[in-house]
């Protein structure tokens, strides 16, 4: 996730950062259907994507806070 930090008072670019996130699931599924319940792999993939997005957002927040601390001294 690419971040651009802009001073809202004047619209000037303050800085930029790249936030990354990853998540690896220990439990892999085969995606089979049993008794009408299926598509298990889609649920796992969505969960892994959500966890990776959360990690990227945490990274972005930490970087933004660090940049703001630098600017305010």
Protein backbone atom coordinates (compact mmCIF):
# COMPACT_ATOMS: atom_id res chain seq x y z
CA UNK A 1 0.00 0.00 0.00
CA UNK A 2 1.53 3.31 -1.08
CA UNK A 3 0.94 6.26 1.22
CA UNK A 4 1.20 9.92 0.37
CA UNK A 5 1.20 12.26 3.34
CA UNK A 6 -0.17 15.71 2.56
CA UNK A 7 -0.35 18.77 4.79
CA UNK A 8 -4.07 19.54 4.81
CA UNK A 9 -3.42 23.21 5.57
CA UNK A 10 -1.62 23.95 2.32
CA UNK A 11 -1.91 20.81 0.17
CA UNK A 12 1.85 20.27 0.08
CA UNK A 13 3.42 16.85 0.02
CA UNK A 14 4.96 16.07 3.40
CA UNK A 15 6.23 12.57 2.68
CA UNK A 16 5.48 9.14 1.42
CA UNK A 17 5.75 5.58 2.69
CA UNK A 18 5.06 2.03 1.63
CA UNK A 19 3.11 -0.21 3.99
CA UNK A 20 3.22 -3.97 3.60
CA UNK A 21 1.27 -6.76 5.19
CA UNK A 22 1.27 -10.50 4.89
CA UNK A 23 -0.44 -13.42 6.52
CA UNK A 24 0.19 -17.14 6.19
CA UNK A 25 -2.38 -19.65 7.32
CA UNK A 26 -1.11 -22.80 8.98
CA UNK A 27 -4.27 -24.74 8.10
CA UNK A 28 -4.77 -25.29 4.38
CA UNK A 29 -8.06 -26.64 3.02
CA UNK A 30 -8.79 -28.44 -0.19
CA UNK A 31 -11.97 -26.52 -1.02
CA UNK A 32 -14.24 -29.57 -1.18
CA UNK A 33 -18.00 -29.61 -0.76
CA UNK A 34 -19.66 -31.87 1.80
CA UNK A 35 -23.41 -32.04 2.50
CA UNK A 36 -24.01 -28.76 0.71
CA UNK A 37 -21.33 -26.86 2.58
CA UNK A 38 -18.51 -25.90 0.32
CA UNK A 39 -16.20 -23.26 -0.97
CA UNK A 40 -14.13 -23.52 2.18
CA UNK A 41 -10.99 -22.34 0.40
CA UNK A 42 -12.72 -19.05 -0.51
CA UNK A 43 -13.48 -18.36 3.15
CA UNK A 44 -9.89 -19.12 4.13
CA UNK A 45 -8.55 -16.91 1.33
CA UNK A 46 -10.83 -14.05 2.37
CA UNK A 47 -9.69 -14.42 5.96
CA UNK A 48 -6.02 -14.46 4.93
CA UNK A 49 -6.60 -11.39 2.76
CA UNK A 50 -8.33 -9.63 5.66
CA UNK A 51 -5.41 -10.46 7.97
CA UNK A 52 -2.86 -9.21 5.43
CA UNK A 53 -4.88 -6.01 4.95
CA UNK A 54 -4.99 -5.52 8.71
CA UNK A 55 -1.19 -5.94 8.90
CA UNK A 56 -0.71 -3.39 6.10
CA UNK A 57 -3.04 -0.91 7.80
CA UNK A 58 -1.16 -1.32 11.08
CA UNK A 59 2.11 -0.66 9.27
CA UNK A 60 0.62 2.40 7.56
CA UNK A 61 -0.64 3.77 10.88
CA UNK A 62 2.72 3.28 12.58
CA UNK A 63 4.54 5.03 9.74
CA UNK A 64 2.07 7.91 9.71
CA UNK A 65 2.40 8.42 13.46
CA UNK A 66 6.19 8.35 13.19
CA UNK A 67 6.11 10.98 10.42
CA UNK A 68 3.78 13.20 12.43
CA UNK A 69 6.07 12.92 15.48
CA UNK A 70 9.01 14.04 13.32
CA UNK A 71 7.08 17.09 12.12
CA UNK A 72 5.86 18.18 15.54
CA UNK A 73 9.17 17.57 17.27
